[in-house]
Amino acid sequence: MAGHTYTCSSCGKEHQGLPTDWGFKLPDAIFDLPYLERYRRTRSNSDLCALDEHRFFVRGLLSMPFSYQEGEFSWGVWVEVERSTHDFYLGNFNNEFAKGATAQGRLANTIPGFPELVNEPLEIEFQDSTSRPSFSFLSKADHRLAKDQREGIDFARHHEFLELCGHFTESDA
């Protein structure tokens, strides 16, 4: 890791080490729409999204703790939720009322290397007004990513996630 830097796509600054998150700007169902259809049929910002006023999405973090250093790797993903969950989050977005509240949803992005997990059920825990919700796999989930979330990931697995996302070029991987 020594000497490795990356430029953050959010802040534009150069950081030391490996990226500790990878995010999706939209749910797959929205991203896959042609541009004009997306404009006509959706409402979205960086935290909430609605498709045809019948499908609702919330953006949050699906985190994997590191076993080799402090912190975690987070997938910034969208979860499809019931309208009532969407509306609860919308109504409590700027206050502390939602902190600790839970709900359920389904993964709405294809995580690189894990296409079979689209629609996987997730537990949602709402945070304070400065943080996105956290997402967890259900305790009965036994796939590799659920185990990563429960047990943590080592340096090699962290590197593997970034390779799956296309972070490294052939010359520096």
N, C-alpha and C. Protein backbone atom coordinates (compact mmCIF):
# COMPACT_ATOMS: atom_id res chain seq x y z
N MET A 1 0.81 -1.18 0.00
CA MET A 1 0.00 0.00 0.00
C MET A 1 0.86 1.26 0.00
N ALA A 2 2.06 1.14 0.47
CA ALA A 2 2.93 2.31 0.54
C ALA A 2 3.09 2.93 -0.84
N GLY A 3 2.90 4.24 -0.89
CA GLY A 3 3.07 4.94 -2.15
C GLY A 3 1.86 4.95 -3.04
N HIS A 4 0.86 4.13 -2.75
CA HIS A 4 -0.32 4.09 -3.60
C HIS A 4 -1.23 5.27 -3.26
N THR A 5 -1.67 5.97 -4.29
CA THR A 5 -2.61 7.07 -4.10
C THR A 5 -3.75 6.91 -5.09
N TYR A 6 -4.84 7.60 -4.83
CA TYR A 6 -5.96 7.64 -5.75
C TYR A 6 -6.61 9.01 -5.66
N THR A 7 -7.31 9.37 -6.73
CA THR A 7 -8.03 10.63 -6.76
C THR A 7 -9.50 10.34 -6.49
N CYS A 8 -10.03 10.95 -5.48
CA CYS A 8 -11.42 10.75 -5.07
C CYS A 8 -12.37 11.35 -6.10
N SER A 9 -13.37 10.56 -6.53
CA SER A 9 -14.32 11.05 -7.51
C SER A 9 -15.31 12.05 -6.90
N SER A 10 -15.43 12.09 -5.58
CA SER A 10 -16.34 13.04 -4.93
C SER A 10 -15.70 14.39 -4.69
N CYS A 11 -14.50 14.37 -4.06
CA CYS A 11 -13.87 15.64 -3.70
C CYS A 11 -12.80 16.08 -4.68
N GLY A 12 -12.34 15.17 -5.54
CA GLY A 12 -11.32 15.51 -6.52
C GLY A 12 -9.91 15.57 -5.97
N LYS A 13 -9.73 15.28 -4.68
CA LYS A 13 -8.41 15.34 -4.06
C LYS A 13 -7.72 13.98 -4.12
N GLU A 14 -6.38 14.03 -4.05
CA GLU A 14 -5.59 12.82 -4.03
C GLU A 14 -5.46 12.33 -2.59
N HIS A 15 -5.64 11.01 -2.39
CA HIS A 15 -5.54 10.41 -1.06
C HIS A 15 -4.53 9.28 -1.07
N GLN A 16 -3.91 9.02 0.07
CA GLN A 16 -2.99 7.91 0.25
C GLN A 16 -3.76 6.61 0.48
N GLY A 17 -3.18 5.50 0.08
CA GLY A 17 -3.76 4.19 0.33
C GLY A 17 -4.74 3.78 -0.75
N LEU A 18 -5.56 2.80 -0.42
CA LEU A 18 -6.56 2.28 -1.34
C LEU A 18 -7.93 2.88 -1.02
N PRO A 19 -8.77 3.07 -2.02
CA PRO A 19 -10.13 3.56 -1.75
C PRO A 19 -10.85 2.62 -0.78
N THR A 20 -11.69 3.19 0.05
CA THR A 20 -12.43 2.39 1.03
C THR A 20 -13.93 2.39 0.76
N ASP A 21 -14.31 2.81 -0.45
CA ASP A 21 -15.72 2.70 -0.81
C ASP A 21 -15.85 2.70 -2.33
N TRP A 22 -17.00 2.22 -2.75
CA TRP A 22 -17.35 2.21 -4.17
C TRP A 22 -18.84 2.43 -4.25
N GLY A 23 -19.27 3.44 -5.00
CA GLY A 23 -20.68 3.79 -4.98
C GLY A 23 -21.36 3.76 -6.34
N PHE A 24 -22.66 3.67 -6.28
CA PHE A 24 -23.53 3.69 -7.45
C PHE A 24 -24.38 4.94 -7.40
N LYS A 25 -24.43 5.68 -8.49
CA LYS A 25 -25.17 6.94 -8.51
C LYS A 25 -26.68 6.74 -8.58
N LEU A 26 -27.11 5.62 -9.16
CA LEU A 26 -28.54 5.32 -9.31
C LEU A 26 -28.80 3.84 -9.13
N PRO A 27 -30.03 3.46 -8.81
CA PRO A 27 -30.39 2.04 -8.84
C PRO A 27 -30.29 1.52 -10.29
N ASP A 28 -30.00 0.24 -10.47
CA ASP A 28 -29.86 -0.32 -11.81
C ASP A 28 -31.09 -0.08 -12.67
N ALA A 29 -32.29 -0.23 -12.09
CA ALA A 29 -33.53 -0.05 -12.85
C ALA A 29 -33.63 1.36 -13.44
N ILE A 30 -33.07 2.34 -12.78
CA ILE A 30 -33.09 3.73 -13.26
C ILE A 30 -31.94 3.95 -14.24
N PHE A 31 -30.76 3.49 -13.88
CA PHE A 31 -29.58 3.68 -14.72
C PHE A 31 -29.78 3.04 -16.10
N ASP A 32 -30.49 1.92 -16.16
CA ASP A 32 -30.70 1.20 -17.42
C ASP A 32 -31.69 1.88 -18.36
N LEU A 33 -32.44 2.85 -17.87
CA LEU A 33 -33.41 3.54 -18.74
C LEU A 33 -32.69 4.47 -19.72
N PRO A 34 -33.21 4.58 -20.94
CA PRO A 34 -32.67 5.59 -21.85
C PRO A 34 -32.83 6.98 -21.22
N TYR A 35 -31.97 7.88 -21.57
CA TYR A 35 -31.89 9.21 -20.96
C TYR A 35 -33.25 9.91 -20.86
N LEU A 36 -33.99 10.00 -21.96
CA LEU A 36 -35.27 10.72 -21.93
C LEU A 36 -36.32 9.99 -21.09
N GLU A 37 -36.29 8.66 -21.11
CA GLU A 37 -37.21 7.90 -20.26
C GLU A 37 -36.89 8.16 -18.79
N ARG A 38 -35.62 8.19 -18.46
CA ARG A 38 -35.20 8.48 -17.08
C ARG A 38 -35.73 9.85 -16.66
N TYR A 39 -35.62 10.83 -17.55
CA TYR A 39 -36.08 12.18 -17.26
C TYR A 39 -37.60 12.20 -17.03
N ARG A 40 -38.33 11.48 -17.88
CA ARG A 40 -39.80 11.48 -17.80
C ARG A 40 -40.35 10.71 -16.61
N ARG A 41 -39.69 9.62 -16.23
CA ARG A 41 -40.30 8.67 -15.31
C ARG A 41 -39.74 8.68 -13.88
N THR A 42 -38.68 9.45 -13.65
CA THR A 42 -38.06 9.37 -12.33
C THR A 42 -37.93 10.72 -11.64
N ARG A 43 -37.82 10.63 -10.33
CA ARG A 43 -37.41 11.75 -9.50
C ARG A 43 -36.28 11.20 -8.64
N SER A 44 -35.17 11.92 -8.59
CA SER A 44 -34.08 11.42 -7.77
C SER A 44 -33.15 12.53 -7.32
N ASN A 45 -32.47 12.25 -6.22
CA ASN A 45 -31.35 13.06 -5.78
C ASN A 45 -30.28 12.05 -5.33
N SER A 46 -29.31 12.46 -4.58
CA SER A 46 -28.24 11.54 -4.22
C SER A 46 -28.62 10.57 -3.09
N ASP A 47 -29.82 10.70 -2.53
CA ASP A 47 -30.23 9.84 -1.42
C ASP A 47 -31.55 9.09 -1.62
N LEU A 48 -32.44 9.64 -2.44
CA LEU A 48 -33.77 9.07 -2.65
C LEU A 48 -34.10 9.03 -4.12
N CYS A 49 -34.92 8.05 -4.50
CA CYS A 49 -35.29 7.93 -5.91
C CYS A 49 -36.67 7.28 -6.01
N ALA A 50 -37.43 7.70 -7.02
CA ALA A 50 -38.74 7.10 -7.30
C ALA A 50 -38.84 6.86 -8.81
N LEU A 51 -39.41 5.72 -9.17
CA LEU A 51 -39.64 5.36 -10.57
C LEU A 51 -41.13 5.19 -10.76
N ASP A 52 -41.70 6.00 -11.65
CA ASP A 52 -43.13 5.93 -11.98
C ASP A 52 -44.04 6.06 -10.76
N GLU A 53 -43.54 6.63 -9.69
CA GLU A 53 -44.30 6.76 -8.44
C GLU A 53 -44.83 5.42 -7.93
N HIS A 54 -44.19 4.30 -8.35
CA HIS A 54 -44.58 2.97 -7.90
C HIS A 54 -43.43 2.20 -7.30
N ARG A 55 -42.21 2.58 -7.64
CA ARG A 55 -41.02 1.92 -7.09
C ARG A 55 -40.18 2.99 -6.40
N PHE A 56 -39.69 2.64 -5.20
CA PHE A 56 -39.00 3.63 -4.37
C PHE A 56 -37.67 3.06 -3.89
N PHE A 57 -36.66 3.94 -3.80
CA PHE A 57 -35.30 3.53 -3.49
C PHE A 57 -34.66 4.49 -2.48
N VAL A 58 -33.78 3.92 -1.66
CA VAL A 58 -33.02 4.67 -0.67
C VAL A 58 -31.55 4.28 -0.86
N ARG A 59 -30.67 5.27 -0.79
CA ARG A 59 -29.24 5.01 -0.93
C ARG A 59 -28.60 4.93 0.45
N GLY A 60 -27.67 3.98 0.61
CA GLY A 60 -26.98 3.82 1.88
C GLY A 60 -25.70 3.05 1.71
N LEU A 61 -25.18 2.54 2.82
CA LEU A 61 -23.89 1.88 2.84
C LEU A 61 -23.99 0.43 3.29
N LEU A 62 -23.44 -0.44 2.47
CA LEU A 62 -23.32 -1.87 2.78
C LEU A 62 -21.84 -2.07 3.10
N SER A 63 -21.51 -2.13 4.39
CA SER A 63 -20.11 -2.08 4.82
C SER A 63 -19.55 -3.43 5.23
N MET A 64 -18.25 -3.60 4.94
CA MET A 64 -17.47 -4.78 5.31
C MET A 64 -16.32 -4.32 6.19
N PRO A 65 -16.27 -4.71 7.47
CA PRO A 65 -15.17 -4.25 8.32
C PRO A 65 -13.84 -4.84 7.85
N PHE A 66 -12.78 -4.06 8.02
CA PHE A 66 -11.44 -4.56 7.72
C PHE A 66 -10.96 -5.42 8.88
N SER A 67 -10.27 -6.50 8.55
CA SER A 67 -9.64 -7.32 9.60
C SER A 67 -8.16 -6.99 9.73
N TYR A 68 -7.62 -6.18 8.83
CA TYR A 68 -6.19 -5.89 8.83
C TYR A 68 -5.86 -4.45 9.21
N GLN A 69 -6.86 -3.63 9.36
CA GLN A 69 -6.66 -2.23 9.76
C GLN A 69 -7.98 -1.70 10.30
N GLU A 70 -7.95 -0.51 10.87
CA GLU A 70 -9.17 0.13 11.34
C GLU A 70 -10.05 0.49 10.14
N GLY A 71 -11.35 0.56 10.36
CA GLY A 71 -12.26 1.03 9.33
C GLY A 71 -12.97 -0.08 8.60
N GLU A 72 -13.49 0.28 7.43
CA GLU A 72 -14.30 -0.65 6.65
C GLU A 72 -14.30 -0.25 5.19
N PHE A 73 -14.68 -1.21 4.36
CA PHE A 73 -14.93 -0.95 2.94
C PHE A 73 -16.44 -0.90 2.79
N SER A 74 -16.94 0.14 2.13
CA SER A 74 -18.39 0.30 1.99
C SER A 74 -18.81 0.34 0.52
N TRP A 75 -19.80 -0.44 0.21
CA TRP A 75 -20.46 -0.37 -1.09
C TRP A 75 -21.58 0.65 -0.93
N GLY A 76 -21.54 1.75 -1.68
CA GLY A 76 -22.61 2.74 -1.66
C GLY A 76 -23.69 2.30 -2.64
N VAL A 77 -24.70 1.62 -2.13
CA VAL A 77 -25.72 0.99 -2.98
C VAL A 77 -27.10 1.56 -2.71
N TRP A 78 -28.01 1.21 -3.60
CA TRP A 78 -29.42 1.55 -3.48
C TRP A 78 -30.20 0.31 -3.09
N VAL A 79 -31.23 0.52 -2.29
CA VAL A 79 -32.12 -0.55 -1.86
C VAL A 79 -33.54 -0.15 -2.24
N GLU A 80 -34.26 -1.07 -2.87
CA GLU A 80 -35.67 -0.81 -3.17
C GLU A 80 -36.48 -1.06 -1.91
N VAL A 81 -37.36 -0.12 -1.61
CA VAL A 81 -38.14 -0.16 -0.36
C VAL A 81 -39.62 0.08 -0.66
N GLU A 82 -40.43 -0.21 0.33
CA GLU A 82 -41.85 0.11 0.26
C GLU A 82 -41.99 1.63 0.30
N ARG A 83 -43.09 2.12 -0.26
CA ARG A 83 -43.32 3.57 -0.25
C ARG A 83 -43.32 4.13 1.17
N SER A 84 -43.87 3.39 2.12
CA SER A 84 -43.92 3.88 3.50
C SER A 84 -42.52 4.08 4.08
N THR A 85 -41.58 3.21 3.73
CA THR A 85 -40.19 3.36 4.20
C THR A 85 -39.56 4.58 3.55
N HIS A 86 -39.75 4.73 2.26
CA HIS A 86 -39.25 5.90 1.53
C HIS A 86 -39.80 7.18 2.15
N ASP A 87 -41.09 7.21 2.39
CA ASP A 87 -41.73 8.41 2.94
C ASP A 87 -41.29 8.69 4.37
N PHE A 88 -41.05 7.62 5.16
CA PHE A 88 -40.53 7.81 6.52
C PHE A 88 -39.16 8.48 6.46
N TYR A 89 -38.30 7.98 5.60
CA TYR A 89 -36.96 8.56 5.48
C TYR A 89 -37.04 10.00 4.98
N LEU A 90 -37.86 10.23 3.98
CA LEU A 90 -38.04 11.59 3.45
C LEU A 90 -38.54 12.54 4.54
N GLY A 91 -39.50 12.10 5.32
CA GLY A 91 -40.06 12.95 6.35
C GLY A 91 -39.14 13.21 7.53
N ASN A 92 -38.15 12.36 7.71
CA ASN A 92 -37.25 12.49 8.86
C ASN A 92 -35.80 12.69 8.45
N PHE A 93 -35.59 13.09 7.22
CA PHE A 93 -34.24 13.21 6.67
C PHE A 93 -33.36 14.19 7.43
N ASN A 94 -33.90 15.30 7.85
CA ASN A 94 -33.10 16.36 8.47
C ASN A 94 -33.22 16.43 9.99
N ASN A 95 -33.69 15.37 10.61
CA ASN A 95 -33.75 15.38 12.07
C ASN A 95 -33.24 14.05 12.61
N GLU A 96 -33.19 13.94 13.89
CA GLU A 96 -32.61 12.75 14.53
C GLU A 96 -33.66 11.67 14.82
N PHE A 97 -34.92 11.92 14.48
CA PHE A 97 -35.99 10.99 14.79
C PHE A 97 -35.77 9.61 14.18
N ALA A 98 -35.20 9.56 12.99
CA ALA A 98 -35.05 8.30 12.28
C ALA A 98 -33.92 7.43 12.83
N LYS A 99 -32.98 8.01 13.58
CA LYS A 99 -31.80 7.26 14.03
C LYS A 99 -32.20 6.01 14.80
N GLY A 100 -31.68 4.88 14.34
CA GLY A 100 -31.96 3.60 15.00
C GLY A 100 -33.19 2.89 14.48
N ALA A 101 -34.03 3.58 13.73
CA ALA A 101 -35.21 2.93 13.15
C ALA A 101 -34.74 1.92 12.10
N THR A 102 -35.48 0.85 11.94
CA THR A 102 -35.10 -0.18 10.98
C THR A 102 -36.24 -0.45 10.00
N ALA A 103 -35.86 -1.01 8.89
CA ALA A 103 -36.81 -1.40 7.85
C ALA A 103 -36.13 -2.47 7.00
N GLN A 104 -36.84 -2.97 6.01
CA GLN A 104 -36.24 -3.92 5.09
C GLN A 104 -36.39 -3.44 3.67
N GLY A 105 -35.49 -3.90 2.83
CA GLY A 105 -35.53 -3.58 1.41
C GLY A 105 -34.79 -4.65 0.64
N ARG A 106 -34.63 -4.39 -0.67
CA ARG A 106 -33.93 -5.35 -1.53
C ARG A 106 -32.85 -4.62 -2.33
N LEU A 107 -31.68 -5.24 -2.41
CA LEU A 107 -30.55 -4.66 -3.11
C LEU A 107 -30.94 -4.32 -4.54
N ALA A 108 -30.68 -3.08 -4.96
CA ALA A 108 -31.11 -2.60 -6.28
C ALA A 108 -29.93 -2.29 -7.21
N ASN A 109 -28.73 -2.74 -6.86
CA ASN A 109 -27.56 -2.57 -7.72
C ASN A 109 -26.86 -3.91 -7.89
N THR A 110 -26.21 -4.07 -9.03
CA THR A 110 -25.39 -5.24 -9.26
C THR A 110 -23.98 -4.92 -8.79
N ILE A 111 -23.59 -5.50 -7.68
CA ILE A 111 -22.24 -5.30 -7.15
C ILE A 111 -21.28 -6.10 -8.01
N PRO A 112 -20.21 -5.48 -8.51
CA PRO A 112 -19.26 -6.20 -9.36
C PRO A 112 -18.79 -7.51 -8.71
N GLY A 113 -18.91 -8.59 -9.47
CA GLY A 113 -18.52 -9.90 -8.98
C GLY A 113 -19.62 -10.64 -8.26
N PHE A 114 -20.77 -9.99 -8.04
CA PHE A 114 -21.86 -10.60 -7.28
C PHE A 114 -23.21 -10.36 -7.95
N PRO A 115 -23.36 -10.68 -9.24
CA PRO A 115 -24.63 -10.38 -9.93
C PRO A 115 -25.83 -11.11 -9.35
N GLU A 116 -25.59 -12.24 -8.69
CA GLU A 116 -26.68 -13.03 -8.12
C GLU A 116 -27.33 -12.36 -6.91
N LEU A 117 -26.72 -11.29 -6.40
CA LEU A 117 -27.26 -10.66 -5.20
C LEU A 117 -28.28 -9.56 -5.46
N VAL A 118 -28.54 -9.21 -6.71
CA VAL A 118 -29.59 -8.23 -6.99
C VAL A 118 -30.89 -8.78 -6.42
N ASN A 119 -31.63 -7.95 -5.74
CA ASN A 119 -32.89 -8.30 -5.06
C ASN A 119 -32.68 -9.05 -3.75
N GLU A 120 -31.44 -9.18 -3.30
CA GLU A 120 -31.17 -9.82 -2.01
C GLU A 120 -31.79 -8.97 -0.90
N PRO A 121 -32.52 -9.59 0.05
CA PRO A 121 -33.10 -8.81 1.14
C PRO A 121 -32.01 -8.24 2.05
N LEU A 122 -32.24 -7.01 2.48
CA LEU A 122 -31.31 -6.32 3.37
C LEU A 122 -32.08 -5.66 4.51
N GLU A 123 -31.43 -5.59 5.65
CA GLU A 123 -31.94 -4.84 6.80
C GLU A 123 -31.40 -3.42 6.67
N ILE A 124 -32.26 -2.44 6.90
CA ILE A 124 -31.88 -1.03 6.84
C ILE A 124 -31.89 -0.48 8.26
N GLU A 125 -30.83 0.23 8.63
CA GLU A 125 -30.83 0.96 9.89
C GLU A 125 -30.55 2.41 9.58
N PHE A 126 -31.51 3.26 9.92
CA PHE A 126 -31.37 4.69 9.66
C PHE A 126 -30.41 5.30 10.67
N GLN A 127 -29.64 6.27 10.21
CA GLN A 127 -28.62 6.92 11.03
C GLN A 127 -29.06 8.34 11.38
N ASP A 128 -28.12 9.14 11.86
CA ASP A 128 -28.44 10.53 12.16
C ASP A 128 -28.55 11.34 10.86
N SER A 129 -28.85 12.60 10.99
CA SER A 129 -29.12 13.44 9.81
C SER A 129 -27.88 13.71 8.95
N THR A 130 -26.70 13.32 9.41
CA THR A 130 -25.49 13.56 8.62
C THR A 130 -24.95 12.29 7.96
N SER A 131 -25.64 11.16 8.15
CA SER A 131 -25.13 9.89 7.64
C SER A 131 -26.21 9.14 6.87
N ARG A 132 -25.77 8.44 5.85
CA ARG A 132 -26.70 7.59 5.08
C ARG A 132 -27.05 6.35 5.90
N PRO A 133 -28.17 5.72 5.57
CA PRO A 133 -28.54 4.48 6.27
C PRO A 133 -27.47 3.40 6.08
N SER A 134 -27.40 2.49 7.04
CA SER A 134 -26.51 1.34 6.89
C SER A 134 -27.37 0.13 6.52
N PHE A 135 -26.81 -0.71 5.66
CA PHE A 135 -27.50 -1.90 5.17
C PHE A 135 -26.75 -3.13 5.64
N SER A 136 -27.49 -4.16 6.04
CA SER A 136 -26.89 -5.42 6.47
C SER A 136 -27.64 -6.57 5.82
N PHE A 137 -26.88 -7.61 5.49
CA PHE A 137 -27.52 -8.83 5.02
C PHE A 137 -28.24 -9.48 6.19
N LEU A 138 -29.31 -10.19 5.89
CA LEU A 138 -30.05 -10.89 6.94
C LEU A 138 -29.15 -11.96 7.57
N SER A 139 -29.35 -12.27 8.82
CA SER A 139 -28.48 -13.21 9.54
C SER A 139 -28.45 -14.59 8.89
N LYS A 140 -29.51 -14.97 8.19
CA LYS A 140 -29.55 -16.30 7.56
C LYS A 140 -28.80 -16.33 6.22
N ALA A 141 -28.38 -15.19 5.69
CA ALA A 141 -27.68 -15.15 4.40
C ALA A 141 -26.33 -15.86 4.53
N ASP A 142 -26.04 -16.75 3.59
CA ASP A 142 -24.79 -17.51 3.71
C ASP A 142 -23.87 -17.36 2.50
N HIS A 143 -24.10 -16.35 1.68
CA HIS A 143 -23.21 -16.13 0.53
C HIS A 143 -21.93 -15.42 0.98
N ARG A 144 -20.98 -15.36 0.09
CA ARG A 144 -19.64 -14.84 0.43
C ARG A 144 -19.67 -13.40 0.95
N LEU A 145 -20.46 -12.53 0.35
CA LEU A 145 -20.47 -11.14 0.77
C LEU A 145 -21.09 -10.98 2.17
N ALA A 146 -22.08 -11.80 2.50
CA ALA A 146 -22.66 -11.77 3.85
C ALA A 146 -21.61 -12.22 4.87
N LYS A 147 -20.84 -13.23 4.52
CA LYS A 147 -19.77 -13.69 5.41
C LYS A 147 -18.70 -12.62 5.57
N ASP A 148 -18.38 -11.92 4.47
CA ASP A 148 -17.43 -10.80 4.55
C ASP A 148 -17.94 -9.74 5.52
N GLN A 149 -19.22 -9.47 5.47
CA GLN A 149 -19.78 -8.44 6.35
C GLN A 149 -19.73 -8.87 7.81
N ARG A 150 -19.95 -10.14 8.08
CA ARG A 150 -19.93 -10.63 9.46
C ARG A 150 -18.51 -10.81 10.00
N GLU A 151 -17.59 -11.29 9.14
CA GLU A 151 -16.26 -11.68 9.61
C GLU A 151 -15.17 -10.66 9.31
N GLY A 152 -15.42 -9.75 8.38
CA GLY A 152 -14.41 -8.78 7.99
C GLY A 152 -13.62 -9.25 6.78
N ILE A 153 -12.89 -8.32 6.18
CA ILE A 153 -12.10 -8.63 4.99
C ILE A 153 -10.64 -8.28 5.24
N ASP A 154 -9.76 -9.08 4.64
CA ASP A 154 -8.33 -8.81 4.75
C ASP A 154 -7.88 -7.96 3.57
N PHE A 155 -6.59 -7.65 3.53
CA PHE A 155 -6.05 -6.80 2.48
C PHE A 155 -6.31 -7.38 1.09
N ALA A 156 -6.11 -8.69 0.94
CA ALA A 156 -6.30 -9.32 -0.38
C ALA A 156 -7.75 -9.19 -0.85
N ARG A 157 -8.69 -9.35 0.06
CA ARG A 157 -10.11 -9.25 -0.32
C ARG A 157 -10.45 -7.79 -0.67
N HIS A 158 -9.93 -6.85 0.08
CA HIS A 158 -10.11 -5.42 -0.22
C HIS A 158 -9.59 -5.13 -1.62
N HIS A 159 -8.41 -5.62 -1.92
CA HIS A 159 -7.80 -5.43 -3.24
C HIS A 159 -8.67 -6.08 -4.32
N GLU A 160 -9.19 -7.27 -4.03
CA GLU A 160 -10.07 -7.98 -4.97
C GLU A 160 -11.32 -7.16 -5.30
N PHE A 161 -11.94 -6.56 -4.27
CA PHE A 161 -13.11 -5.71 -4.51
C PHE A 161 -12.76 -4.59 -5.50
N LEU A 162 -11.63 -3.95 -5.29
CA LEU A 162 -11.22 -2.84 -6.16
C LEU A 162 -10.90 -3.32 -7.56
N GLU A 163 -10.32 -4.50 -7.70
CA GLU A 163 -10.08 -5.08 -9.02
C GLU A 163 -11.40 -5.31 -9.75
N LEU A 164 -12.39 -5.87 -9.03
CA LEU A 164 -13.71 -6.12 -9.63
C LEU A 164 -14.36 -4.83 -10.14
N CYS A 165 -14.08 -3.74 -9.46
CA CYS A 165 -14.64 -2.44 -9.84
C CYS A 165 -13.84 -1.76 -10.95
N GLY A 166 -12.70 -2.33 -11.32
CA GLY A 166 -11.88 -1.74 -12.38
C GLY A 166 -10.99 -0.62 -11.87
N HIS A 167 -10.72 -0.59 -10.58
CA HIS A 167 -9.89 0.49 -10.02
C HIS A 167 -8.46 0.47 -10.55
N PHE A 168 -7.88 -0.72 -10.67
CA PHE A 168 -6.49 -0.84 -11.08
C PHE A 168 -6.38 -1.01 -12.58
N THR A 169 -5.32 -0.49 -13.13
CA THR A 169 -5.01 -0.75 -14.54
C THR A 169 -4.10 -1.98 -14.56
N GLU A 170 -3.91 -2.56 -15.73
CA GLU A 170 -3.04 -3.75 -15.83
C GLU A 170 -1.63 -3.44 -15.36
N SER A 171 -1.18 -2.22 -15.54
CA SER A 171 0.20 -1.88 -15.20
C SER A 171 0.43 -1.75 -13.70
N ASP A 172 -0.62 -1.45 -12.90
CA ASP A 172 -0.37 -1.26 -11.48
C ASP A 172 -1.13 -2.21 -10.57
N ALA A 173 -1.83 -3.18 -11.12
CA ALA A 173 -2.56 -4.14 -10.28
C ALA A 173 -1.65 -5.11 -9.75
